[in-house]
Amino acid sequence: MKSLELIFSIFNALILPQWILMIFAPRWKWTLWLVNSYLIPIGIGIAYAVLVLPNLFGSGQVPDFGTLDGIKNLFKMGNDEVVVGGWFHYLAFDLLVGSWILTDSQKNRIKHWFVAPCLFFTLMAGPVGFVLYQIIKFISPKTQKQA
């Protein structure tokens, strides 16, 4: 289990540079490269697949994603790999949403000081940051799209 703890720690740390760059250096070439390459979410996705898929589908039973009881049973039967994989699910998708927010805000010329809190909340509470960005985007003055 120590190796799983190490993997968990590495991936938790792996996301932070991109988040820091998106918040504090949003137009830097390396920030934009990371955002557009999807390198970190792809790496997390591979780790997720390795940890979760054999544990969810290896038993021959089809997981029940359609009911609350089915989801509760998945978490009850899940071992540490499934729990860490579930966390990786959040890490990857929150980072993808943050990348989209940054790209969309730059395309729509929304001032970054409005966007930075949205990125922070996306990191800390995923959907809250996304909703906050949608509100800011809705109330922002409409600007001409960049060519």
Foldseek 3Di string as FASTA:
>chain_A
DVVLVVVLVVLVVVLVVLLCCCQPVVPDPVNLCCLVVLVSLVVLVVLLCVLAVCQQPVVVDHQDPPDPVSVVVCVVSDDPSNVSSVVSVLSNVLSNLLSVLSVVCVQQVPDSVQLSVLSVCSNVPNVVSNVSSVVSVVPDPGDDGDD
